[in-house]
Amino acid sequence: MRSVKVGGGTFYNYYYYDDTGSITGFEYNGTPYYFLKNIQGDVVKICNGAGAVVAEHKYDVWGNTISITGTLASSVGQKNPFRYKG
């Protein structure tokens, strides 16, 4: 797994990638979160380091977000820039 630091000034985003270059997660407020994807590669769930689901994304047939639910939906779920792959 490799980590990429993106941003400038005092704000940075950290993204995690596997050996094939596929994004696997990100860091929010110093805490790592990991993606669960469907067979198409869309991010459908976000888990914390313990494996607990903290946010879940649901999409319509066109890839528009229908809902983001979970204990951290309003923070981690909303901040996640990787969603529907298309």
C-alpha atoms as a PDB file:
ATOM      1  CA  MET A   1       0.000   0.000   0.000  1.00  0.00           C
ATOM      2  CA  ARG A   2       1.253   3.467  -0.749  1.00  0.00           C
ATOM      3  CA  SER A   3       0.101   6.826   0.537  1.00  0.00           C
ATOM      4  CA  VAL A   4      -0.119   9.962  -1.601  1.00  0.00           C
ATOM      5  CA  LYS A   5      -0.194  13.434  -0.057  1.00  0.00           C
ATOM      6  CA  VAL A   6      -2.275  15.951  -2.041  1.00  0.00           C
ATOM      7  CA  GLY A   7      -2.810  19.625  -1.273  1.00  0.00           C
ATOM      8  CA  GLY A   8      -0.984  22.727  -0.244  1.00  0.00           C
ATOM      9  CA  GLY A   9      -0.684  25.172   2.596  1.00  0.00           C
ATOM     10  CA  THR A  10      -1.881  23.601   5.830  1.00  0.00           C
ATOM     11  CA  PHE A  11      -4.531  21.306   4.346  1.00  0.00           C
ATOM     12  CA  TYR A  12      -3.576  17.922   2.956  1.00  0.00           C
ATOM     13  CA  ASN A  13      -5.473  14.841   1.877  1.00  0.00           C
ATOM     14  CA  TYR A  14      -3.847  11.440   2.101  1.00  0.00           C
ATOM     15  CA  TYR A  15      -5.037   8.699  -0.238  1.00  0.00           C
ATOM     16  CA  TYR A  16      -4.092   5.012  -0.100  1.00  0.00           C
ATOM     17  CA  TYR A  17      -3.460   2.865  -3.176  1.00  0.00           C
ATOM     18  CA  ASP A  18      -2.712  -0.822  -3.654  1.00  0.00           C
ATOM     19  CA  ASP A  19       0.078  -2.269  -5.808  1.00  0.00           C
ATOM     20  CA  THR A  20      -2.096  -2.092  -8.940  1.00  0.00           C
ATOM     21  CA  GLY A  21      -2.769   1.636  -8.494  1.00  0.00           C
ATOM     22  CA  SER A  22      -6.361   1.178  -7.357  1.00  0.00           C
ATOM     23  CA  ILE A  23      -7.450   3.547  -4.597  1.00  0.00           C
ATOM     24  CA  THR A  24      -8.163   1.724  -1.345  1.00  0.00           C
ATOM     25  CA  GLY A  25      -8.916   4.514   1.127  1.00  0.00           C
ATOM     26  CA  PHE A  26      -8.074   7.896   2.547  1.00  0.00           C
ATOM     27  CA  GLU A  27      -7.204   9.689   5.747  1.00  0.00           C
ATOM     28  CA  TYR A  28      -9.600  12.115   7.428  1.00  0.00           C
ATOM     29  CA  ASN A  29      -8.589  14.102  10.520  1.00  0.00           C
ATOM     30  CA  GLY A  30      -5.605  11.811  10.984  1.00  0.00           C
ATOM     31  CA  THR A  31      -7.667   8.598  10.917  1.00  0.00           C
ATOM     32  CA  PRO A  32      -7.410   6.096   8.036  1.00  0.00           C
ATOM     33  CA  TYR A  33     -10.564   4.810   6.342  1.00  0.00           C
ATOM     34  CA  TYR A  34     -10.824   2.070   3.742  1.00  0.00           C
ATOM     35  CA  PHE A  35     -13.163   1.482   0.811  1.00  0.00           C
ATOM     36  CA  LEU A  36     -15.343  -1.523   0.085  1.00  0.00           C
ATOM     37  CA  LYS A  37     -16.235  -1.595  -3.598  1.00  0.00           C
ATOM     38  CA  ASN A  38     -18.775  -3.483  -5.665  1.00  0.00           C
ATOM     39  CA  ILE A  39     -17.795  -5.601  -8.676  1.00  0.00           C
ATOM     40  CA  GLN A  40     -17.880  -2.495 -10.907  1.00  0.00           C
ATOM     41  CA  GLY A  41     -15.416  -0.670  -8.642  1.00  0.00           C
ATOM     42  CA  ASP A  42     -17.865   1.825  -7.139  1.00  0.00           C
ATOM     43  CA  VAL A  43     -17.218   2.739  -3.509  1.00  0.00           C
ATOM     44  CA  VAL A  44     -20.255   1.416  -1.635  1.00  0.00           C
ATOM     45  CA  LYS A  45     -18.970   1.398   1.950  1.00  0.00           C
ATOM     46  CA  ILE A  46     -16.261   3.054   4.012  1.00  0.00           C
ATOM     47  CA  CYS A  47     -14.767   1.211   6.979  1.00  0.00           C
ATOM     48  CA  ASN A  48     -12.572   2.287   9.860  1.00  0.00           C
ATOM     49  CA  GLY A  49      -9.345   0.496  10.787  1.00  0.00           C
ATOM     50  CA  ALA A  50     -11.277  -2.053  12.865  1.00  0.00           C
ATOM     51  CA  GLY A  51     -13.390  -2.995   9.833  1.00  0.00           C
ATOM     52  CA  ALA A  52     -16.615  -1.395  11.068  1.00  0.00           C
ATOM     53  CA  VAL A  53     -18.708   0.285   8.364  1.00  0.00           C
ATOM     54  CA  VAL A  54     -18.930   4.025   9.113  1.00  0.00           C
ATOM     55  CA  ALA A  55     -20.557   5.210   5.863  1.00  0.00           C
ATOM     56  CA  GLU A  56     -22.517   3.606   3.052  1.00  0.00           C
ATOM     57  CA  HIS A  57     -23.157   5.107  -0.396  1.00  0.00           C
ATOM     58  CA  LYS A  58     -26.206   4.193  -2.493  1.00  0.00           C
ATOM     59  CA  TYR A  59     -26.551   5.234  -6.139  1.00  0.00           C
ATOM     60  CA  ASP A  60     -29.323   5.355  -8.724  1.00  0.00           C
ATOM     61  CA  VAL A  61     -28.917   3.663 -12.128  1.00  0.00           C
ATOM     62  CA  TRP A  62     -27.167   6.759 -13.521  1.00  0.00           C
ATOM     63  CA  GLY A  63     -24.605   6.906 -10.714  1.00  0.00           C
ATOM     64  CA  ASN A  64     -26.136   9.790  -8.805  1.00  0.00           C
ATOM     65  CA  THR A  65     -25.869   9.509  -5.047  1.00  0.00           C
ATOM     66  CA  ILE A  66     -29.240   8.581  -3.532  1.00  0.00           C
ATOM     67  CA  SER A  67     -28.076   8.482   0.061  1.00  0.00           C
ATOM     68  CA  ILE A  68     -25.084   8.407   2.346  1.00  0.00           C
ATOM     69  CA  THR A  69     -25.815   6.705   5.653  1.00  0.00           C
ATOM     70  CA  GLY A  70     -23.857   5.525   8.673  1.00  0.00           C
ATOM     71  CA  THR A  71     -22.362   6.833  11.888  1.00  0.00           C
ATOM     72  CA  LEU A  72     -19.928   9.102  10.013  1.00  0.00           C
ATOM     73  CA  ALA A  73     -22.084   9.856   6.955  1.00  0.00           C
ATOM     74  CA  SER A  74     -22.023  13.620   7.478  1.00  0.00           C
ATOM     75  CA  SER A  75     -18.239  13.765   7.830  1.00  0.00           C
ATOM     76  CA  VAL A  76     -16.301  10.865   6.316  1.00  0.00           C
ATOM     77  CA  GLY A  77     -19.111   9.929   3.921  1.00  0.00           C
ATOM     78  CA  GLN A  78     -19.455  13.474   2.578  1.00  0.00           C
ATOM     79  CA  LYS A  79     -15.700  14.162   2.373  1.00  0.00           C
ATOM     80  CA  ASN A  80     -15.005  11.039   0.323  1.00  0.00           C
ATOM     81  CA  PRO A  81     -14.345  12.216  -3.263  1.00  0.00           C
ATOM     82  CA  PHE A  82     -14.313   8.670  -4.704  1.00  0.00           C
ATOM     83  CA  ARG A  83     -17.785   7.269  -5.254  1.00  0.00           C
ATOM     84  CA  TYR A  84     -19.442   6.035  -8.447  1.00  0.00           C
ATOM     85  CA  LYS A  85     -16.867   4.863 -10.960  1.00  0.00           C
ATOM     86  CA  GLY A  86     -19.247   4.843 -13.911  1.00  0.00           C
END
